[in-house]
Amino acid sequence: MTSIPEPANESREPEVRELADVPAVEVISRAAVMLMSSAAEKLGLSEPDPSESPYLDLDEARRVITALAGLVTASVEYLGPHAGPIREGLQALQKAFREASAHPDEPGKGPGEKYTGPVY
């Protein structure tokens, strides 16, 4: 009788790293991605029609986008090649927020714009 060995990927536990061993740029990038994902959910962007999303919450989205803007602005010099895509993602979320708002904020007054400047 022969046994079929399990593929290595399926039998191993996921690698766990000590936080002290994770480079700062990776911690910052992961935090930014988590904030972006949260903002996208709260803007309803995971649904075909964002206005019908059960997760749509502009107040919460504003908070998360503002936190993301602060993080990105404060850490842009450390992000290296990751800075451009993260800034573009932030700007896309700021624009999506403006589009989702029944009464859009004045330019420069939207979520995170005190850190990033006006988004049009």
C-alpha atoms as a PDB file:
ATOM      1  CA  MET A   1       0.000   0.000   0.000  1.00  0.00           C
ATOM      2  CA  THR A   2       1.387   3.386  -0.917  1.00  0.00           C
ATOM      3  CA  SER A   3       0.463   6.588   0.729  1.00  0.00           C
ATOM      4  CA  ILE A   4       0.146   9.860  -1.073  1.00  0.00           C
ATOM      5  CA  PRO A   5       2.155  12.561   0.643  1.00  0.00           C
ATOM      6  CA  GLU A   6       0.347  15.767   1.465  1.00  0.00           C
ATOM      7  CA  PRO A   7       1.497  18.825  -0.447  1.00  0.00           C
ATOM      8  CA  ALA A   8       3.880  20.868   1.674  1.00  0.00           C
ATOM      9  CA  ASN A   9       1.645  23.968   1.581  1.00  0.00           C
ATOM     10  CA  GLU A  10      -1.386  22.263   3.088  1.00  0.00           C
ATOM     11  CA  SER A  11       0.331  20.509   5.982  1.00  0.00           C
ATOM     12  CA  ARG A  12       2.328  23.462   7.299  1.00  0.00           C
ATOM     13  CA  GLU A  13       1.131  26.102   9.700  1.00  0.00           C
ATOM     14  CA  PRO A  14       1.354  29.662   8.402  1.00  0.00           C
ATOM     15  CA  GLU A  15       4.644  31.293   9.250  1.00  0.00           C
ATOM     16  CA  VAL A  16       4.374  33.552  12.280  1.00  0.00           C
ATOM     17  CA  ARG A  17       6.911  36.334  12.587  1.00  0.00           C
ATOM     18  CA  GLU A  18       7.823  38.349  15.621  1.00  0.00           C
ATOM     19  CA  LEU A  19       6.620  41.926  15.207  1.00  0.00           C
ATOM     20  CA  ALA A  20      10.101  43.151  16.118  1.00  0.00           C
ATOM     21  CA  ASP A  21      11.420  41.343  13.025  1.00  0.00           C
ATOM     22  CA  VAL A  22       9.006  43.048  10.615  1.00  0.00           C
ATOM     23  CA  PRO A  23      10.506  46.104   8.881  1.00  0.00           C
ATOM     24  CA  ALA A  24       8.761  49.404   9.648  1.00  0.00           C
ATOM     25  CA  VAL A  25       7.893  50.002   5.991  1.00  0.00           C
ATOM     26  CA  GLU A  26       6.024  46.684   5.927  1.00  0.00           C
ATOM     27  CA  VAL A  27       4.086  47.530   9.103  1.00  0.00           C
ATOM     28  CA  ILE A  28       3.148  50.949   7.677  1.00  0.00           C
ATOM     29  CA  SER A  29       2.178  49.485   4.292  1.00  0.00           C
ATOM     30  CA  ARG A  30       0.017  46.776   5.860  1.00  0.00           C
ATOM     31  CA  ALA A  31      -1.704  49.328   8.092  1.00  0.00           C
ATOM     32  CA  ALA A  32      -2.382  51.507   5.040  1.00  0.00           C
ATOM     33  CA  VAL A  33      -3.832  48.575   3.099  1.00  0.00           C
ATOM     34  CA  MET A  34      -6.072  47.651   6.037  1.00  0.00           C
ATOM     35  CA  LEU A  35      -7.323  51.251   6.301  1.00  0.00           C
ATOM     36  CA  MET A  36      -7.919  51.363   2.533  1.00  0.00           C
ATOM     37  CA  SER A  37      -9.889  48.124   2.648  1.00  0.00           C
ATOM     38  CA  SER A  38     -11.975  49.356   5.560  1.00  0.00           C
ATOM     39  CA  ALA A  39     -12.724  52.658   3.823  1.00  0.00           C
ATOM     40  CA  ALA A  40     -13.700  50.865   0.611  1.00  0.00           C
ATOM     41  CA  GLU A  41     -16.130  48.641   2.530  1.00  0.00           C
ATOM     42  CA  LYS A  42     -17.619  51.623   4.369  1.00  0.00           C
ATOM     43  CA  LEU A  43     -18.061  53.420   1.029  1.00  0.00           C
ATOM     44  CA  GLY A  44     -19.951  50.378  -0.274  1.00  0.00           C
ATOM     45  CA  LEU A  45     -17.363  49.720  -2.975  1.00  0.00           C
ATOM     46  CA  SER A  46     -17.575  45.954  -2.499  1.00  0.00           C
ATOM     47  CA  GLU A  47     -21.102  45.965  -3.950  1.00  0.00           C
ATOM     48  CA  PRO A  48     -22.190  46.398  -7.598  1.00  0.00           C
ATOM     49  CA  ASP A  49     -24.284  49.400  -6.484  1.00  0.00           C
ATOM     50  CA  PRO A  50     -22.437  51.100  -3.616  1.00  0.00           C
ATOM     51  CA  SER A  51     -25.522  53.091  -2.591  1.00  0.00           C
ATOM     52  CA  GLU A  52     -27.316  49.799  -1.836  1.00  0.00           C
ATOM     53  CA  SER A  53     -24.502  48.322   0.262  1.00  0.00           C
ATOM     54  CA  PRO A  54     -25.477  47.242   3.773  1.00  0.00           C
ATOM     55  CA  TYR A  55     -21.997  48.400   4.854  1.00  0.00           C
ATOM     56  CA  LEU A  56     -22.309  51.974   3.548  1.00  0.00           C
ATOM     57  CA  ASP A  57     -21.419  54.330   6.399  1.00  0.00           C
ATOM     58  CA  LEU A  58     -20.014  57.693   5.325  1.00  0.00           C
ATOM     59  CA  ASP A  59     -19.309  58.837   8.881  1.00  0.00           C
ATOM     60  CA  GLU A  60     -17.120  55.794   9.488  1.00  0.00           C
ATOM     61  CA  ALA A  61     -15.553  56.119   6.020  1.00  0.00           C
ATOM     62  CA  ARG A  62     -14.606  59.736   6.790  1.00  0.00           C
ATOM     63  CA  ARG A  63     -12.799  58.647   9.956  1.00  0.00           C
ATOM     64  CA  VAL A  64     -10.885  55.851   8.280  1.00  0.00           C
ATOM     65  CA  ILE A  65      -9.911  57.984   5.261  1.00  0.00           C
ATOM     66  CA  THR A  66      -8.700  60.765   7.559  1.00  0.00           C
ATOM     67  CA  ALA A  67      -6.608  58.275   9.555  1.00  0.00           C
ATOM     68  CA  LEU A  68      -5.181  56.880   6.314  1.00  0.00           C
ATOM     69  CA  ALA A  69      -4.324  60.384   5.083  1.00  0.00           C
ATOM     70  CA  GLY A  70      -2.495  61.136   8.321  1.00  0.00           C
ATOM     71  CA  LEU A  71      -0.544  57.884   8.149  1.00  0.00           C
ATOM     72  CA  VAL A  72       0.391  58.348   4.494  1.00  0.00           C
ATOM     73  CA  THR A  73       1.386  61.988   4.912  1.00  0.00           C
ATOM     74  CA  ALA A  74       3.501  61.269   7.989  1.00  0.00           C
ATOM     75  CA  SER A  75       5.258  58.252   6.485  1.00  0.00           C
ATOM     76  CA  VAL A  76       5.540  59.047   2.762  1.00  0.00           C
ATOM     77  CA  GLU A  77       9.319  59.509   2.947  1.00  0.00           C
ATOM     78  CA  TYR A  78       9.739  55.962   4.289  1.00  0.00           C
ATOM     79  CA  LEU A  79       7.439  54.171   1.853  1.00  0.00           C
ATOM     80  CA  GLY A  80       9.782  54.309  -1.129  1.00  0.00           C
ATOM     81  CA  PRO A  81       8.208  52.705  -4.209  1.00  0.00           C
ATOM     82  CA  HIS A  82       5.038  51.950  -2.223  1.00  0.00           C
ATOM     83  CA  ALA A  83       4.276  55.660  -1.723  1.00  0.00           C
ATOM     84  CA  GLY A  84       2.837  56.282  -5.200  1.00  0.00           C
ATOM     85  CA  PRO A  85       0.284  53.455  -5.252  1.00  0.00           C
ATOM     86  CA  ILE A  86      -0.773  54.122  -1.653  1.00  0.00           C
ATOM     87  CA  ARG A  87      -1.278  57.835  -2.374  1.00  0.00           C
ATOM     88  CA  GLU A  88      -3.265  56.985  -5.512  1.00  0.00           C
ATOM     89  CA  GLY A  89      -5.448  54.616  -3.488  1.00  0.00           C
ATOM     90  CA  LEU A  90      -6.039  57.316  -0.883  1.00  0.00           C
ATOM     91  CA  GLN A  91      -6.987  59.843  -3.550  1.00  0.00           C
ATOM     92  CA  ALA A  92      -9.380  57.355  -5.175  1.00  0.00           C
ATOM     93  CA  LEU A  93     -11.089  56.814  -1.812  1.00  0.00           C
ATOM     94  CA  GLN A  94     -11.339  60.567  -1.243  1.00  0.00           C
ATOM     95  CA  LYS A  95     -12.974  60.962  -4.673  1.00  0.00           C
ATOM     96  CA  ALA A  96     -15.329  58.042  -4.018  1.00  0.00           C
ATOM     97  CA  PHE A  97     -16.340  59.665  -0.729  1.00  0.00           C
ATOM     98  CA  ARG A  98     -17.128  62.927  -2.536  1.00  0.00           C
ATOM     99  CA  GLU A  99     -19.218  61.042  -5.125  1.00  0.00           C
ATOM    100  CA  ALA A 100     -21.115  59.119  -2.432  1.00  0.00           C
ATOM    101  CA  SER A 101     -21.972  62.239  -0.434  1.00  0.00           C
ATOM    102  CA  ALA A 102     -25.400  63.799  -0.915  1.00  0.00           C
ATOM    103  CA  HIS A 103     -23.839  67.161  -0.020  1.00  0.00           C
ATOM    104  CA  PRO A 104     -20.140  66.977  -0.950  1.00  0.00           C
ATOM    105  CA  ASP A 105     -17.670  68.880   1.214  1.00  0.00           C
ATOM    106  CA  GLU A 106     -15.980  71.983  -0.151  1.00  0.00           C
ATOM    107  CA  PRO A 107     -12.595  71.229  -1.756  1.00  0.00           C
ATOM    108  CA  GLY A 108     -10.047  71.033   1.045  1.00  0.00           C
ATOM    109  CA  LYS A 109     -12.699  70.105   3.641  1.00  0.00           C
ATOM    110  CA  GLY A 110     -13.210  66.439   2.704  1.00  0.00           C
ATOM    111  CA  PRO A 111     -11.852  63.486   4.666  1.00  0.00           C
ATOM    112  CA  GLY A 112      -8.099  63.697   5.068  1.00  0.00           C
ATOM    113  CA  GLU A 113      -7.791  66.807   2.920  1.00  0.00           C
ATOM    114  CA  LYS A 114      -6.300  68.800   5.786  1.00  0.00           C
ATOM    115  CA  TYR A 115      -3.310  66.456   5.378  1.00  0.00           C
ATOM    116  CA  THR A 116      -3.294  65.913   1.617  1.00  0.00           C
ATOM    117  CA  GLY A 117      -4.659  69.171   0.273  1.00  0.00           C
ATOM    118  CA  PRO A 118      -7.810  69.477  -1.846  1.00  0.00           C
ATOM    119  CA  VAL A 119      -8.917  66.551  -3.995  1.00  0.00           C
ATOM    120  CA  TYR A 120     -11.010  67.365  -7.057  1.00  0.00           C
END
